[in-house]
């Protein structure tokens, strides 16, 4: 899912940045699958190489492929809630 999708599902369609903050501060404590959340362009949000590579590794270990520009095909992998 994207940050915006999660925000909208939580009732705050403009709250994508809040989702980022929550995932950053609560993922360890609550074992949240933060690595499955990407931005609306299909990109990993981390700019720091180590964090970027770690998230990429976690996604790929679950079978998610990134293209040569480092993007996830949202048409293929984006989760849609019922």
N, C-alpha and C. Protein backbone atom coordinates (compact mmCIF):
# COMPACT_ATOMS: atom_id res chain seq x y z
N UNK A 1 0.84 -1.18 0.00
CA UNK A 1 0.00 0.00 0.00
C UNK A 1 0.89 1.25 0.00
N UNK A 2 0.27 2.34 -0.36
CA UNK A 2 0.98 3.61 -0.28
C UNK A 2 0.63 4.29 1.04
N UNK A 3 1.45 5.26 1.42
CA UNK A 3 1.17 6.03 2.64
C UNK A 3 -0.20 6.69 2.54
N UNK A 4 -0.52 7.22 1.37
CA UNK A 4 -1.81 7.89 1.17
C UNK A 4 -2.98 6.93 1.28
N UNK A 5 -2.83 5.73 0.79
CA UNK A 5 -3.90 4.73 0.91
C UNK A 5 -4.19 4.43 2.38
N UNK A 6 -3.14 4.26 3.15
CA UNK A 6 -3.33 3.96 4.57
C UNK A 6 -3.99 5.13 5.26
N UNK A 7 -3.55 6.34 4.95
CA UNK A 7 -4.16 7.53 5.56
C UNK A 7 -5.64 7.63 5.21
N UNK A 8 -5.98 7.41 3.96
CA UNK A 8 -7.38 7.49 3.53
C UNK A 8 -8.21 6.42 4.23
N UNK A 9 -7.67 5.21 4.33
CA UNK A 9 -8.39 4.13 4.99
C UNK A 9 -8.62 4.45 6.47
N UNK A 10 -7.67 5.17 7.07
CA UNK A 10 -7.78 5.55 8.48
C UNK A 10 -8.69 6.76 8.68
N UNK A 11 -9.21 7.31 7.57
CA UNK A 11 -10.14 8.44 7.67
C UNK A 11 -9.49 9.80 7.54
N UNK A 12 -8.24 9.83 7.14
CA UNK A 12 -7.53 11.10 6.98
C UNK A 12 -6.84 11.13 5.61
N UNK A 13 -7.61 11.36 4.55
CA UNK A 13 -7.07 11.24 3.19
C UNK A 13 -5.87 12.13 2.88
N UNK A 14 -5.65 13.15 3.68
CA UNK A 14 -4.49 14.01 3.46
C UNK A 14 -3.40 13.78 4.51
N UNK A 15 -3.45 12.65 5.17
CA UNK A 15 -2.56 12.38 6.29
C UNK A 15 -1.40 11.45 6.00
N UNK A 16 -0.92 11.42 4.76
CA UNK A 16 0.18 10.51 4.41
C UNK A 16 1.42 10.75 5.27
N UNK A 17 1.73 11.99 5.56
CA UNK A 17 2.92 12.28 6.38
C UNK A 17 2.75 11.78 7.81
N UNK A 18 1.52 11.79 8.30
CA UNK A 18 1.27 11.24 9.63
C UNK A 18 1.53 9.74 9.63
N UNK A 19 1.17 9.07 8.55
CA UNK A 19 1.43 7.63 8.44
C UNK A 19 2.94 7.38 8.50
N UNK A 20 3.71 8.20 7.82
CA UNK A 20 5.17 8.07 7.84
C UNK A 20 5.66 8.17 9.28
N UNK A 21 5.19 9.18 10.01
CA UNK A 21 5.64 9.37 11.40
C UNK A 21 5.25 8.19 12.28
N UNK A 22 4.03 7.72 12.13
CA UNK A 22 3.57 6.59 12.95
C UNK A 22 4.40 5.35 12.66
N UNK A 23 4.62 5.05 11.39
CA UNK A 23 5.42 3.88 11.05
C UNK A 23 6.83 4.00 11.60
N UNK A 24 7.39 5.20 11.50
CA UNK A 24 8.75 5.41 11.99
C UNK A 24 8.83 5.20 13.50
N UNK A 25 7.87 5.71 14.23
CA UNK A 25 7.95 5.66 15.69
C UNK A 25 7.37 4.40 16.32
N UNK A 26 6.49 3.69 15.62
CA UNK A 26 5.78 2.58 16.25
C UNK A 26 6.08 1.20 15.64
N UNK A 27 6.80 1.13 14.54
CA UNK A 27 7.01 -0.15 13.86
C UNK A 27 7.71 -1.18 14.73
N UNK A 28 8.75 -0.78 15.42
CA UNK A 28 9.48 -1.73 16.26
C UNK A 28 8.62 -2.23 17.41
N UNK A 29 7.98 -1.30 18.07
CA UNK A 29 7.19 -1.64 19.26
C UNK A 29 6.02 -2.57 18.92
N UNK A 30 5.39 -2.34 17.77
CA UNK A 30 4.18 -3.09 17.42
C UNK A 30 4.40 -4.06 16.25
N UNK A 31 5.64 -4.25 15.84
CA UNK A 31 5.98 -5.17 14.76
C UNK A 31 5.15 -4.90 13.49
N UNK A 32 5.10 -3.64 13.10
CA UNK A 32 4.34 -3.25 11.91
C UNK A 32 5.13 -3.57 10.64
N UNK A 33 4.47 -4.01 9.59
CA UNK A 33 5.16 -4.33 8.33
C UNK A 33 5.46 -3.06 7.52
N UNK A 34 6.25 -2.18 8.09
CA UNK A 34 6.56 -0.88 7.50
C UNK A 34 7.15 -1.01 6.11
N UNK A 35 7.89 -2.08 5.85
CA UNK A 35 8.61 -2.23 4.58
C UNK A 35 7.65 -2.41 3.41
N UNK A 36 6.39 -2.71 3.67
CA UNK A 36 5.41 -2.90 2.60
C UNK A 36 4.76 -1.60 2.16
N UNK A 37 5.13 -0.50 2.78
CA UNK A 37 4.52 0.80 2.47
C UNK A 37 5.50 1.61 1.63
N UNK A 38 5.00 2.11 0.51
CA UNK A 38 5.83 2.90 -0.41
C UNK A 38 5.09 4.17 -0.78
N UNK A 39 5.75 5.07 -1.49
CA UNK A 39 5.08 6.33 -1.84
C UNK A 39 4.18 6.15 -3.06
N UNK A 40 3.44 7.19 -3.37
CA UNK A 40 2.43 7.12 -4.43
C UNK A 40 3.02 6.95 -5.83
N UNK A 41 4.32 7.14 -5.96
CA UNK A 41 4.99 6.92 -7.25
C UNK A 41 5.50 5.49 -7.38
N UNK A 42 5.31 4.69 -6.33
CA UNK A 42 5.81 3.33 -6.34
C UNK A 42 7.26 3.23 -5.89
N UNK A 43 7.75 4.27 -5.25
CA UNK A 43 9.15 4.33 -4.84
C UNK A 43 9.32 4.09 -3.35
N UNK A 44 10.45 3.54 -3.00
CA UNK A 44 10.84 3.46 -1.60
C UNK A 44 11.15 4.88 -1.15
N UNK A 45 10.65 5.24 0.01
CA UNK A 45 10.79 6.62 0.48
C UNK A 45 12.14 6.98 1.05
N UNK A 46 12.93 6.01 1.44
CA UNK A 46 14.23 6.31 2.05
C UNK A 46 15.21 6.84 1.02
N UNK A 47 15.95 7.86 1.41
CA UNK A 47 17.00 8.40 0.54
C UNK A 47 18.36 7.84 0.96
N UNK A 48 18.50 7.51 2.24
CA UNK A 48 19.76 6.96 2.75
C UNK A 48 19.93 5.56 2.18
N UNK A 49 21.10 5.29 1.62
CA UNK A 49 21.33 4.06 0.87
C UNK A 49 21.12 2.79 1.69
N UNK A 50 21.59 2.77 2.93
CA UNK A 50 21.45 1.58 3.75
C UNK A 50 19.99 1.24 4.04
N UNK A 51 19.21 2.24 4.39
CA UNK A 51 17.78 2.02 4.66
C UNK A 51 17.05 1.63 3.38
N UNK A 52 17.37 2.30 2.29
CA UNK A 52 16.76 1.99 1.00
C UNK A 52 17.02 0.53 0.63
N UNK A 53 18.30 0.12 0.72
CA UNK A 53 18.67 -1.25 0.36
C UNK A 53 18.00 -2.28 1.26
N UNK A 54 17.85 -1.95 2.56
CA UNK A 54 17.20 -2.87 3.48
C UNK A 54 15.73 -3.06 3.12
N UNK A 55 15.03 -1.96 2.84
CA UNK A 55 13.62 -2.09 2.46
C UNK A 55 13.50 -2.83 1.13
N UNK A 56 14.36 -2.53 0.20
CA UNK A 56 14.35 -3.22 -1.09
C UNK A 56 14.55 -4.72 -0.88
N UNK A 57 15.49 -5.08 -0.04
CA UNK A 57 15.75 -6.49 0.25
C UNK A 57 14.51 -7.16 0.85
N UNK A 58 13.86 -6.50 1.81
CA UNK A 58 12.67 -7.08 2.44
C UNK A 58 11.55 -7.27 1.43
N UNK A 59 11.35 -6.28 0.57
CA UNK A 59 10.31 -6.41 -0.46
C UNK A 59 10.64 -7.56 -1.41
N UNK A 60 11.87 -7.61 -1.86
CA UNK A 60 12.26 -8.66 -2.80
C UNK A 60 12.18 -10.05 -2.17
N UNK A 61 12.44 -10.13 -0.87
CA UNK A 61 12.35 -11.43 -0.19
C UNK A 61 10.91 -11.92 -0.12
N UNK A 62 9.95 -11.01 -0.32
CA UNK A 62 8.53 -11.38 -0.36
C UNK A 62 8.02 -11.50 -1.79
N UNK A 63 8.93 -11.42 -2.75
CA UNK A 63 8.56 -11.61 -4.15
C UNK A 63 8.17 -10.35 -4.89
N UNK A 64 8.34 -9.18 -4.27
CA UNK A 64 8.02 -7.91 -4.93
C UNK A 64 9.22 -7.48 -5.77
N UNK A 65 8.99 -7.25 -7.04
CA UNK A 65 10.06 -6.85 -7.94
C UNK A 65 10.06 -5.34 -8.12
N UNK A 66 11.24 -4.77 -8.21
CA UNK A 66 11.40 -3.36 -8.53
C UNK A 66 11.99 -3.27 -9.93
N UNK A 67 11.56 -2.25 -10.68
CA UNK A 67 12.09 -2.11 -12.03
C UNK A 67 13.48 -1.50 -11.99
N UNK A 68 14.06 -1.25 -13.15
CA UNK A 68 15.43 -0.74 -13.21
C UNK A 68 15.58 0.67 -12.66
N UNK A 69 14.46 1.35 -12.43
CA UNK A 69 14.49 2.68 -11.81
C UNK A 69 14.16 2.62 -10.32
N UNK A 70 14.05 1.40 -9.80
CA UNK A 70 13.79 1.22 -8.37
C UNK A 70 12.34 1.41 -7.96
N UNK A 71 11.43 1.25 -8.92
CA UNK A 71 10.01 1.44 -8.62
C UNK A 71 9.27 0.12 -8.59
N UNK A 72 8.25 0.09 -7.75
CA UNK A 72 7.35 -1.04 -7.66
C UNK A 72 6.19 -0.79 -8.63
N UNK A 73 5.80 -1.79 -9.36
CA UNK A 73 4.66 -1.68 -10.27
C UNK A 73 3.38 -1.68 -9.43
N UNK A 74 2.83 -0.49 -9.19
CA UNK A 74 1.64 -0.38 -8.35
C UNK A 74 0.43 -1.08 -8.96
N UNK A 75 0.38 -1.17 -10.25
CA UNK A 75 -0.71 -1.88 -10.90
C UNK A 75 -0.70 -3.36 -10.56
N UNK A 76 0.47 -3.87 -10.31
CA UNK A 76 0.62 -5.29 -9.99
C UNK A 76 0.60 -5.56 -8.49
N UNK A 77 1.27 -4.73 -7.72
CA UNK A 77 1.50 -5.04 -6.31
C UNK A 77 0.66 -4.24 -5.31
N UNK A 78 0.05 -3.15 -5.73
CA UNK A 78 -0.68 -2.33 -4.77
C UNK A 78 -1.83 -3.14 -4.17
N UNK A 79 -1.97 -3.06 -2.87
CA UNK A 79 -3.05 -3.76 -2.18
C UNK A 79 -4.27 -2.83 -2.15
N UNK A 80 -5.41 -3.37 -2.48
CA UNK A 80 -6.66 -2.62 -2.43
C UNK A 80 -7.55 -3.23 -1.37
N UNK A 81 -8.02 -2.40 -0.48
CA UNK A 81 -8.92 -2.86 0.57
C UNK A 81 -10.31 -3.04 -0.01
N UNK A 82 -11.03 -3.96 0.54
CA UNK A 82 -12.41 -4.20 0.09
C UNK A 82 -13.35 -3.15 0.62
